[in-house]
Amino acid sequence: MGLFDRVVKGAGEAPAGKRAPVPPPGPAPAGASAARYDEVTAPGPDGELQRMTRKQFETLPLENRVRLLVQGTLRFYRNGEEIPANEAMRSAY
């Protein structure tokens, strides 16, 4: 099973050789902006937490972002409050 398959497994099983359909995004929670998160923390090489803005995180190479997401080491924040990764990664489009 490839990385893509492991990542989307929670979204439902797809037939062999086909990707699972992506459900349309639901409406944003009341009072939420289009930006699902505005800050991310991730452990640095020395174990100390590194803070990044959304823009800084999204400019990281995709491979690095996926690795951190799969490892479960990222913490996402909106207006200073931690939010679940699945809520932060939900598409705003």
C-alpha atoms as a PDB file:
ATOM      1  CA  MET A   1       0.000   0.000   0.000  1.00  0.00           C
ATOM      2  CA  GLY A   2       1.434   3.375  -1.034  1.00  0.00           C
ATOM      3  CA  LEU A   3       1.583   6.559   1.026  1.00  0.00           C
ATOM      4  CA  PHE A   4      -1.354   8.071  -0.867  1.00  0.00           C
ATOM      5  CA  ASP A   5      -3.466   5.008  -0.062  1.00  0.00           C
ATOM      6  CA  ARG A   6      -2.606   5.225   3.642  1.00  0.00           C
ATOM      7  CA  VAL A   7      -3.405   8.947   3.754  1.00  0.00           C
ATOM      8  CA  VAL A   8      -6.817   8.650   2.090  1.00  0.00           C
ATOM      9  CA  LYS A   9      -7.769   5.362   3.727  1.00  0.00           C
ATOM     10  CA  GLY A  10      -9.868   7.207   6.304  1.00  0.00           C
ATOM     11  CA  ALA A  11     -11.835   8.868   3.491  1.00  0.00           C
ATOM     12  CA  GLY A  12     -13.251   5.530   2.345  1.00  0.00           C
ATOM     13  CA  GLU A  13     -11.955   2.594   0.417  1.00  0.00           C
ATOM     14  CA  ALA A  14     -11.437   3.005  -3.303  1.00  0.00           C
ATOM     15  CA  PRO A  15     -11.568   0.147  -5.788  1.00  0.00           C
ATOM     16  CA  ALA A  16      -8.152  -1.239  -6.705  1.00  0.00           C
ATOM     17  CA  GLY A  17      -6.298   1.170  -8.969  1.00  0.00           C
ATOM     18  CA  LYS A  18      -8.764   4.020  -8.441  1.00  0.00           C
ATOM     19  CA  ARG A  19      -8.649   6.970  -6.096  1.00  0.00           C
ATOM     20  CA  ALA A  20     -11.384   7.504  -3.567  1.00  0.00           C
ATOM     21  CA  PRO A  21     -13.714  10.347  -4.563  1.00  0.00           C
ATOM     22  CA  VAL A  22     -13.064  13.580  -2.728  1.00  0.00           C
ATOM     23  CA  PRO A  23     -16.193  14.810  -0.986  1.00  0.00           C
ATOM     24  CA  PRO A  24     -17.097  18.472  -1.514  1.00  0.00           C
ATOM     25  CA  PRO A  25     -16.065  20.708   1.373  1.00  0.00           C
ATOM     26  CA  GLY A  26     -18.760  21.549   3.858  1.00  0.00           C
ATOM     27  CA  PRO A  27     -19.560  25.084   4.889  1.00  0.00           C
ATOM     28  CA  ALA A  28     -17.094  26.813   7.181  1.00  0.00           C
ATOM     29  CA  PRO A  29     -18.081  26.845  10.851  1.00  0.00           C
ATOM     30  CA  ALA A  30     -19.879  29.992  11.963  1.00  0.00           C
ATOM     31  CA  GLY A  31     -17.381  32.793  12.462  1.00  0.00           C
ATOM     32  CA  ALA A  32     -14.545  30.938  10.730  1.00  0.00           C
ATOM     33  CA  SER A  33     -12.614  32.710   8.043  1.00  0.00           C
ATOM     34  CA  ALA A  34     -11.628  31.106   4.747  1.00  0.00           C
ATOM     35  CA  ALA A  35      -8.217  30.439   6.342  1.00  0.00           C
ATOM     36  CA  ARG A  36      -8.619  27.234   8.321  1.00  0.00           C
ATOM     37  CA  TYR A  37      -5.453  27.935  10.320  1.00  0.00           C
ATOM     38  CA  ASP A  38      -3.009  30.784  10.687  1.00  0.00           C
ATOM     39  CA  GLU A  39      -0.088  29.204  12.524  1.00  0.00           C
ATOM     40  CA  VAL A  40       1.642  25.819  12.740  1.00  0.00           C
ATOM     41  CA  THR A  41       4.139  24.376  15.187  1.00  0.00           C
ATOM     42  CA  ALA A  42       6.459  21.514  14.318  1.00  0.00           C
ATOM     43  CA  PRO A  43       9.366  19.935  16.183  1.00  0.00           C
ATOM     44  CA  GLY A  44      12.734  21.152  14.952  1.00  0.00           C
ATOM     45  CA  PRO A  45      15.915  19.070  14.609  1.00  0.00           C
ATOM     46  CA  ASP A  46      16.796  19.758  18.254  1.00  0.00           C
ATOM     47  CA  GLY A  47      13.280  18.833  19.461  1.00  0.00           C
ATOM     48  CA  GLU A  48      12.334  22.435  20.156  1.00  0.00           C
ATOM     49  CA  LEU A  49       9.025  23.586  18.655  1.00  0.00           C
ATOM     50  CA  GLN A  50       9.303  25.823  15.623  1.00  0.00           C
ATOM     51  CA  ARG A  51       6.467  28.236  14.822  1.00  0.00           C
ATOM     52  CA  MET A  52       5.499  28.958  11.225  1.00  0.00           C
ATOM     53  CA  THR A  53       2.870  31.141   9.656  1.00  0.00           C
ATOM     54  CA  ARG A  54       0.461  29.496   7.237  1.00  0.00           C
ATOM     55  CA  LYS A  55       2.404  30.996   4.329  1.00  0.00           C
ATOM     56  CA  GLN A  56       5.737  29.663   5.647  1.00  0.00           C
ATOM     57  CA  PHE A  57       4.257  26.175   6.121  1.00  0.00           C
ATOM     58  CA  GLU A  58       2.683  26.125   2.666  1.00  0.00           C
ATOM     59  CA  THR A  59       5.995  27.080   1.034  1.00  0.00           C
ATOM     60  CA  LEU A  60       7.696  23.978   2.466  1.00  0.00           C
ATOM     61  CA  PRO A  61       8.198  21.228  -0.121  1.00  0.00           C
ATOM     62  CA  LEU A  62       5.101  19.021  -0.370  1.00  0.00           C
ATOM     63  CA  GLU A  63       7.111  15.959   0.660  1.00  0.00           C
ATOM     64  CA  ASN A  64       8.053  17.620   3.956  1.00  0.00           C
ATOM     65  CA  ARG A  65       4.484  18.769   4.682  1.00  0.00           C
ATOM     66  CA  VAL A  66       3.073  15.302   4.015  1.00  0.00           C
ATOM     67  CA  ARG A  67       5.778  13.636   6.145  1.00  0.00           C
ATOM     68  CA  LEU A  68       4.997  15.922   9.089  1.00  0.00           C
ATOM     69  CA  LEU A  69       1.245  15.399   8.683  1.00  0.00           C
ATOM     70  CA  VAL A  70       1.577  11.605   8.531  1.00  0.00           C
ATOM     71  CA  GLN A  71       3.866  11.583  11.578  1.00  0.00           C
ATOM     72  CA  GLY A  72       1.255  13.558  13.503  1.00  0.00           C
ATOM     73  CA  THR A  73       3.836  16.018  14.818  1.00  0.00           C
ATOM     74  CA  LEU A  74       2.196  19.207  13.541  1.00  0.00           C
ATOM     75  CA  ARG A  75      -0.057  21.372  15.681  1.00  0.00           C
ATOM     76  CA  PHE A  76      -2.350  23.852  13.935  1.00  0.00           C
ATOM     77  CA  TYR A  77      -3.715  27.062  15.434  1.00  0.00           C
ATOM     78  CA  ARG A  78      -6.429  29.542  14.533  1.00  0.00           C
ATOM     79  CA  ASN A  79      -6.443  32.802  16.466  1.00  0.00           C
ATOM     80  CA  GLY A  80      -4.081  31.276  19.048  1.00  0.00           C
ATOM     81  CA  GLU A  81      -6.236  28.195  19.745  1.00  0.00           C
ATOM     82  CA  GLU A  82      -5.196  24.696  18.693  1.00  0.00           C
ATOM     83  CA  ILE A  83      -7.464  23.037  16.125  1.00  0.00           C
ATOM     84  CA  PRO A  84      -7.467  19.448  14.828  1.00  0.00           C
ATOM     85  CA  ALA A  85      -5.244  18.753  11.804  1.00  0.00           C
ATOM     86  CA  ASN A  86      -8.172  17.445   9.742  1.00  0.00           C
ATOM     87  CA  GLU A  87     -10.030  20.724  10.275  1.00  0.00           C
ATOM     88  CA  ALA A  88      -6.928  22.754   9.366  1.00  0.00           C
ATOM     89  CA  MET A  89      -6.328  20.748   6.184  1.00  0.00           C
ATOM     90  CA  ARG A  90      -9.936  20.885   4.975  1.00  0.00           C
ATOM     91  CA  SER A  91     -10.113  22.760   1.695  1.00  0.00           C
ATOM     92  CA  ALA A  92     -11.608  26.233   1.769  1.00  0.00           C
ATOM     93  CA  TYR A  93     -12.583  25.987  -1.900  1.00  0.00           C
END
